[in-house]
Amino acid sequence: MATTLFAKKLAETAQQQYLLYKRMDEGDEQLCRQIRKYYRDLGFPFASCVAVPWSAVFISWCVLKAGATSAEFRFSASHSRFVYAAIENAAADTGVFRARQLTDYAPKIGDIIQNNRGGSVFDYEYARVHKDYPSHSAIVVEVGEDSSGKYLLTIGGNESDSVRMKEIRLDRNGRIKNRTVNPFILIIETLK
């Protein structure tokens, strides 16, 4: 399936934030000012750049700036909330953001990868029946292949206290190779 204009814009939005802030820490005034903007643009109350996790706000802001509406995406300061909505969409075969199992789906540019954090080992089934649990998400900005095989690159907020890029290795079918520490939970497919 070809990358949609929305998915390209979502990846570009994340990439622009990465290029602007990758060398800054959340405590630096310039990045802190931008974090406040993420909250303000979403209509969320702002508390702190340092004491409160802002990674889900980063994802929500990028999705908003790419052109999604609140009817399409559950903007939230908690990853598990927009993931829960995507799981509901997948179950009902509706909506433009749908959760996919890691073993059944090869991620593409503009998709959102959810993983555990803090040593948790939640899986898709857990996410299907729970709205609140600690997790993290990042936006797929590149899918490719190198001498080591297939990979994808993601950009997320509040990764090591900044906007960071990470590499995730894929199997020969383009599916995520899971890991033992903070394993991946699911993929939100972007259909918009």
Protein backbone atom coordinates (compact mmCIF):
# COMPACT_ATOMS: atom_id res chain seq x y z
CA MET A 1 0.00 0.00 0.00
CA ALA A 2 1.35 3.42 -0.98
CA THR A 3 2.07 5.99 1.71
CA THR A 4 -0.80 8.47 1.97
CA LEU A 5 -0.33 12.24 1.97
CA PHE A 6 -1.38 12.33 5.62
CA ALA A 7 1.15 9.63 6.58
CA LYS A 8 3.91 11.53 4.75
CA LYS A 9 2.93 14.73 6.53
CA LEU A 10 2.89 12.96 9.90
CA ALA A 11 6.39 11.59 9.29
CA GLU A 12 7.60 15.00 8.08
CA THR A 13 6.15 16.72 11.15
CA ALA A 14 8.00 14.32 13.47
CA GLN A 15 11.20 14.71 11.43
CA GLN A 16 11.02 18.52 11.63
CA GLN A 17 10.67 18.34 15.41
CA TYR A 18 13.62 15.93 15.56
CA LEU A 19 15.84 18.19 13.45
CA LEU A 20 14.96 21.22 15.57
CA TYR A 21 15.29 19.66 19.03
CA LYS A 22 17.44 16.49 18.88
CA ARG A 23 20.42 18.23 20.49
CA MET A 24 18.38 19.78 23.29
CA ASP A 25 17.24 18.51 26.64
CA GLU A 26 13.67 19.03 27.88
CA GLY A 27 15.05 21.44 30.48
CA ASP A 28 16.53 23.72 27.79
CA GLU A 29 14.34 26.80 27.37
CA GLN A 30 13.84 26.40 23.61
CA LEU A 31 12.61 22.80 23.84
CA CYS A 32 10.62 23.53 26.99
CA ARG A 33 8.85 26.36 25.16
CA GLN A 34 7.98 23.91 22.35
CA ILE A 35 6.70 21.31 24.83
CA ARG A 36 4.39 23.97 26.29
CA LYS A 37 3.18 24.63 22.72
CA TYR A 38 2.39 20.92 22.25
CA TYR A 39 0.13 21.06 25.30
CA ARG A 40 -1.43 24.42 24.41
CA ASP A 41 -2.22 23.47 20.80
CA LEU A 42 -4.02 20.36 22.05
CA GLY A 43 -5.90 22.27 24.76
CA PHE A 44 -4.22 20.23 27.53
CA PRO A 45 -3.12 21.73 30.85
CA PHE A 46 0.65 22.16 31.12
CA ALA A 47 2.49 21.32 34.35
CA SER A 48 6.20 20.86 33.65
CA CYS A 49 8.72 20.10 30.91
CA VAL A 50 10.73 17.86 33.21
CA ALA A 51 8.51 16.38 35.94
CA VAL A 52 5.65 15.15 33.71
CA PRO A 53 6.02 12.69 30.79
CA TRP A 54 5.19 14.42 27.51
CA SER A 55 5.74 11.63 24.98
CA ALA A 56 2.03 10.97 24.27
CA VAL A 57 1.45 14.71 23.96
CA PHE A 58 4.24 14.80 21.33
CA ILE A 59 2.55 12.00 19.32
CA SER A 60 -0.88 13.64 19.66
CA TRP A 61 0.52 17.02 18.56
CA CYS A 62 2.23 15.54 15.50
CA VAL A 63 -1.00 13.74 14.51
CA LEU A 64 -2.94 17.00 14.99
CA LYS A 65 -0.45 19.06 12.96
CA ALA A 66 -0.54 16.48 10.16
CA GLY A 67 -4.28 17.12 9.86
CA ALA A 68 -6.19 14.56 11.94
CA THR A 69 -9.28 15.62 13.86
CA SER A 70 -10.41 14.64 17.35
CA ALA A 71 -13.14 12.56 15.70
CA GLU A 72 -10.38 10.51 14.01
CA PHE A 73 -7.71 10.29 16.74
CA ARG A 74 -8.09 10.23 20.52
CA PHE A 75 -5.62 12.99 21.44
CA SER A 76 -4.28 12.20 24.90
CA ALA A 77 -1.46 12.72 27.37
CA SER A 78 -1.46 8.92 27.80
CA HIS A 79 -0.41 6.53 25.00
CA SER A 80 -2.76 3.83 26.26
CA ARG A 81 -5.80 6.07 25.63
CA PHE A 82 -5.22 6.60 21.91
CA VAL A 83 -4.11 2.97 21.58
CA TYR A 84 -7.38 1.80 23.20
CA ALA A 85 -9.35 3.87 20.66
CA ALA A 86 -7.32 2.35 17.80
CA ILE A 87 -8.05 -1.15 19.13
CA GLU A 88 -11.77 -0.31 19.21
CA ASN A 89 -11.50 0.95 15.60
CA ALA A 90 -9.82 -2.28 14.51
CA ALA A 91 -12.47 -4.42 16.23
CA ALA A 92 -15.26 -2.45 14.55
CA ASP A 93 -13.40 -2.23 11.21
CA THR A 94 -13.88 1.53 11.23
CA GLY A 95 -11.84 4.70 11.61
CA VAL A 96 -8.53 5.76 10.08
CA PHE A 97 -6.27 4.71 12.98
CA ARG A 98 -6.44 0.96 13.68
CA ALA A 99 -4.41 -1.22 16.01
CA ARG A 100 -2.58 -4.16 14.45
CA GLN A 101 -0.89 -7.18 15.99
CA LEU A 102 2.90 -7.27 15.61
CA THR A 103 2.79 -10.75 14.05
CA ASP A 104 0.12 -9.83 11.47
CA TYR A 105 1.22 -6.49 10.09
CA ALA A 106 4.31 -4.90 8.53
CA PRO A 107 4.52 -1.25 9.61
CA LYS A 108 4.82 1.57 7.11
CA ILE A 109 5.67 5.27 7.18
CA GLY A 110 3.19 7.22 9.29
CA ASP A 111 2.24 4.31 11.52
CA ILE A 112 2.69 4.54 15.31
CA ILE A 113 4.60 1.84 17.20
CA GLN A 114 3.64 1.27 20.85
CA ASN A 115 6.02 -0.38 23.31
CA ASN A 116 6.28 -1.11 27.00
CA ARG A 117 8.28 1.09 29.32
CA GLY A 118 9.65 0.75 32.82
CA GLY A 119 10.17 -3.00 32.47
CA SER A 120 6.48 -3.81 31.81
CA VAL A 121 5.52 -6.67 29.50
CA PHE A 122 1.98 -5.79 28.43
CA ASP A 123 0.75 -7.30 25.16
CA TYR A 124 -2.03 -6.64 22.65
CA GLU A 125 -4.57 -8.58 24.68
CA TYR A 126 -3.79 -6.53 27.78
CA ALA A 127 -4.07 -3.29 25.80
CA ARG A 128 -7.40 -4.46 24.38
CA VAL A 129 -9.04 -4.55 27.81
CA HIS A 130 -7.20 -1.75 29.66
CA LYS A 131 -7.32 1.99 29.06
CA ASP A 132 -4.60 2.96 31.55
CA TYR A 133 -1.11 1.50 31.79
CA PRO A 134 2.40 2.87 31.25
CA SER A 135 3.70 2.67 27.69
CA HIS A 136 5.44 4.67 24.98
CA SER A 137 4.87 5.31 21.27
CA ALA A 138 6.84 6.65 18.34
CA ILE A 139 6.07 7.54 14.72
CA VAL A 140 7.52 5.54 11.81
CA VAL A 141 9.46 7.95 9.56
CA GLU A 142 11.42 5.51 7.38
CA VAL A 143 11.25 1.87 6.32
CA GLY A 144 14.26 0.44 4.53
CA GLU A 145 16.83 -2.28 4.11
CA ASP A 146 20.58 -2.31 4.67
CA SER A 147 23.34 -4.93 4.86
CA SER A 148 21.85 -6.22 8.15
CA GLY A 149 18.33 -6.62 6.74
CA LYS A 150 15.07 -4.69 6.98
CA TYR A 151 14.58 -1.90 9.50
CA LEU A 152 12.44 1.09 10.33
CA LEU A 153 13.22 4.39 12.01
CA THR A 154 10.91 6.02 14.53
CA ILE A 155 10.81 9.45 16.13
CA GLY A 156 9.34 9.95 19.56
CA GLY A 157 9.16 12.66 22.18
CA ASN A 158 10.48 12.42 25.73
CA GLU A 159 12.98 9.77 24.68
CA SER A 160 16.07 10.34 26.82
CA ASP A 161 14.49 13.71 27.71
CA SER A 162 14.34 14.99 24.12
CA VAL A 163 13.02 14.26 20.63
CA ARG A 164 14.94 11.19 19.45
CA MET A 165 15.18 8.78 16.54
CA LYS A 166 15.47 5.03 17.02
CA GLU A 167 16.03 2.05 14.76
CA ILE A 168 13.86 -1.07 14.98
CA ARG A 169 14.91 -4.22 13.14
CA LEU A 170 12.37 -6.11 11.05
CA ASP A 171 12.18 -9.71 9.91
CA ARG A 172 12.33 -10.68 6.23
CA ASN A 173 8.54 -10.13 5.95
CA GLY A 174 8.84 -6.57 7.28
CA ARG A 175 7.37 -7.35 10.68
CA ILE A 176 8.90 -6.05 13.90
CA LYS A 177 11.42 -8.29 15.65
CA ASN A 178 10.32 -8.02 19.24
CA ARG A 179 12.69 -7.55 22.14
CA THR A 180 12.76 -8.84 25.70
CA VAL A 181 13.24 -5.51 27.50
CA ASN A 182 10.24 -3.19 27.09
CA PRO A 183 8.79 -5.29 24.26
CA PHE A 184 6.64 -3.80 21.55
CA ILE A 185 2.89 -4.08 22.11
CA LEU A 186 1.24 -3.19 18.80
CA ILE A 187 1.21 -0.94 15.75
CA ILE A 188 -1.38 1.73 15.02
CA GLU A 189 -1.93 1.61 11.28
CA THR A 190 -2.55 5.02 9.73
CA LEU A 191 -5.22 4.79 7.02
CA LYS A 192 -5.94 8.51 6.67
